[in-house]
């Protein structure tokens, strides 16, 4: 008789414990409804062949070896054609920003810069003729 009573009490305790665990741990699987944020140090968009067609990256601060000029940490957005050539580049850093648009060859460019204490617009055509507009 004692064994039977012990088993019944043990079964009831197990059922109470099981129901407690199921009710306190189970939550409906809902999508996160907070602000839609994608975080990372870089983002690349690729085409159907796996080639990068657009990218946003944070470039670390560095010194350009050829000139010795120090560049701060910079955010770079590139829009790239099917041949892998950046056609549009937008950069931003603590020193300012810039926009570069490239034509069907690297020689054809429109560059707008506003960095440090200066700003300029540089236009270049296929013959290498260049026009610089400064304030």
Protein backbone atom coordinates (compact mmCIF):
# COMPACT_ATOMS: atom_id res chain seq x y z
CA UNK A 1 0.00 0.00 0.00
CA UNK A 2 2.82 2.39 0.85
CA UNK A 3 4.51 1.70 -2.49
CA UNK A 4 1.32 2.40 -4.39
CA UNK A 5 0.76 5.69 -2.55
CA UNK A 6 4.40 6.66 -3.15
CA UNK A 7 4.07 5.99 -6.90
CA UNK A 8 0.86 8.05 -7.14
CA UNK A 9 2.50 10.99 -5.34
CA UNK A 10 5.56 10.68 -7.57
CA UNK A 11 3.40 10.64 -10.73
CA UNK A 12 1.44 13.70 -9.58
CA UNK A 13 4.66 15.58 -8.78
CA UNK A 14 6.06 14.68 -12.21
CA UNK A 15 2.88 15.92 -13.93
CA UNK A 16 3.02 19.20 -11.98
CA UNK A 17 6.70 19.66 -12.85
CA UNK A 18 6.09 18.82 -16.53
CA UNK A 19 3.17 21.24 -16.82
CA UNK A 20 5.20 23.97 -15.10
CA UNK A 21 8.11 23.48 -17.52
CA UNK A 22 5.87 23.43 -20.58
CA UNK A 23 3.91 26.51 -19.59
CA UNK A 24 6.87 28.69 -18.56
CA UNK A 25 9.28 27.84 -21.39
CA UNK A 26 7.00 27.64 -24.40
CA UNK A 27 6.44 30.92 -26.17
CA UNK A 28 4.91 31.42 -29.59
CA UNK A 29 7.49 31.64 -32.39
CA UNK A 30 6.97 35.22 -33.57
CA UNK A 31 9.23 37.27 -35.81
CA UNK A 32 11.13 40.07 -34.13
CA UNK A 33 8.97 43.16 -34.45
CA UNK A 34 11.51 45.77 -33.34
CA UNK A 35 13.42 48.10 -35.67
CA UNK A 36 14.59 46.37 -38.84
CA UNK A 37 18.37 46.52 -38.56
CA UNK A 38 21.05 44.63 -40.41
CA UNK A 39 24.41 44.90 -38.68
CA UNK A 40 27.84 43.99 -39.93
CA UNK A 41 31.16 45.39 -41.10
CA UNK A 42 30.40 44.90 -44.80
CA UNK A 43 27.52 44.16 -47.14
CA UNK A 44 27.86 42.70 -50.61
CA UNK A 45 25.13 42.21 -53.19
CA UNK A 46 25.89 39.62 -55.85
CA UNK A 47 24.30 38.84 -59.21
CA UNK A 48 23.07 35.43 -60.38
CA UNK A 49 26.63 34.40 -61.25
CA UNK A 50 27.95 35.23 -57.79
CA UNK A 51 29.83 38.38 -58.84
CA UNK A 52 29.78 41.31 -56.43
CA UNK A 53 27.69 44.10 -57.96
CA UNK A 54 27.36 46.42 -54.96
CA UNK A 55 29.20 46.70 -51.68
CA UNK A 56 29.27 48.82 -48.55
CA UNK A 57 32.39 48.47 -46.44
CA UNK A 58 34.09 50.22 -43.57
CA UNK A 59 37.73 50.66 -44.56
CA UNK A 60 40.10 50.92 -41.59
CA UNK A 61 42.38 53.92 -41.18
CA UNK A 62 45.60 53.49 -43.17
CA UNK A 63 48.60 55.26 -44.64
CA UNK A 64 48.97 55.27 -48.44
CA UNK A 65 52.53 54.01 -48.89
CA UNK A 66 53.24 55.81 -52.18
CA UNK A 67 52.56 59.29 -50.79
CA UNK A 68 52.67 58.76 -47.03
CA UNK A 69 49.23 60.40 -46.66
CA UNK A 70 47.19 59.11 -43.74
CA UNK A 71 43.54 58.32 -44.41
CA UNK A 72 40.97 58.01 -41.63
CA UNK A 73 38.46 55.20 -41.28
CA UNK A 74 36.16 55.50 -44.28
CA UNK A 75 32.80 54.09 -45.35
CA UNK A 76 32.74 53.19 -49.05
CA UNK A 77 29.71 52.38 -51.21
CA UNK A 78 30.54 50.90 -54.62
CA UNK A 79 28.16 50.07 -57.47
CA UNK A 80 29.96 47.70 -59.83
CA UNK A 81 29.26 46.78 -63.47
CA UNK A 82 29.16 43.21 -64.83
CA UNK A 83 32.89 43.40 -65.66
CA UNK A 84 33.87 44.12 -62.04
CA UNK A 85 34.59 47.84 -62.53
CA UNK A 86 33.20 50.28 -59.95
CA UNK A 87 30.99 52.75 -61.84
CA UNK A 88 29.77 54.69 -58.81
CA UNK A 89 31.71 55.23 -55.61
CA UNK A 90 30.58 57.22 -52.60
CA UNK A 91 32.94 57.70 -49.66
CA UNK A 92 32.53 59.29 -46.26
CA UNK A 93 34.97 59.93 -43.41
CA UNK A 94 35.62 62.47 -40.68
CA UNK A 95 37.50 64.54 -43.27
CA UNK A 96 34.53 64.78 -45.64
CA UNK A 97 32.98 62.93 -48.52
CA UNK A 98 33.26 62.26 -52.20
CA UNK A 99 31.35 60.96 -55.19
CA UNK A 100 32.92 59.43 -58.26
CA UNK A 101 31.05 58.49 -61.45
CA UNK A 102 32.86 56.59 -64.20
CA UNK A 103 31.86 56.38 -67.88
CA UNK A 104 32.45 53.51 -70.28
CA UNK A 105 36.21 53.75 -69.64
CA UNK A 106 38.23 54.70 -66.57
CA UNK A 107 39.29 57.92 -68.31
CA UNK A 108 35.75 59.33 -68.35
CA UNK A 109 35.01 60.58 -64.85
CA UNK A 110 33.06 63.05 -62.80
CA UNK A 111 34.45 63.46 -59.29
CA UNK A 112 32.96 65.59 -56.56
CA UNK A 113 35.00 66.04 -53.38
CA UNK A 114 34.36 67.92 -50.18
CA UNK A 115 37.14 66.99 -47.83
CA UNK A 116 39.21 68.78 -45.25
CA UNK A 117 38.86 72.50 -46.02
CA UNK A 118 38.38 72.21 -49.79
CA UNK A 119 35.80 71.15 -52.33
CA UNK A 120 36.05 70.53 -56.06
CA UNK A 121 34.37 69.09 -59.11
CA UNK A 122 36.65 67.38 -61.64
CA UNK A 123 35.30 66.37 -65.05
CA UNK A 124 37.35 64.29 -67.50
CA UNK A 125 36.41 63.20 -71.05
CA UNK A 126 37.65 60.45 -73.40
CA UNK A 127 40.44 62.61 -74.84
CA UNK A 128 41.86 63.16 -71.39
CA UNK A 129 40.69 66.74 -71.32
CA UNK A 130 39.98 67.77 -67.78
CA UNK A 131 38.05 70.58 -66.20
CA UNK A 132 38.45 71.40 -62.53
CA UNK A 133 35.87 73.57 -60.83
CA UNK A 134 36.77 74.99 -57.45
CA UNK A 135 35.19 77.77 -55.38
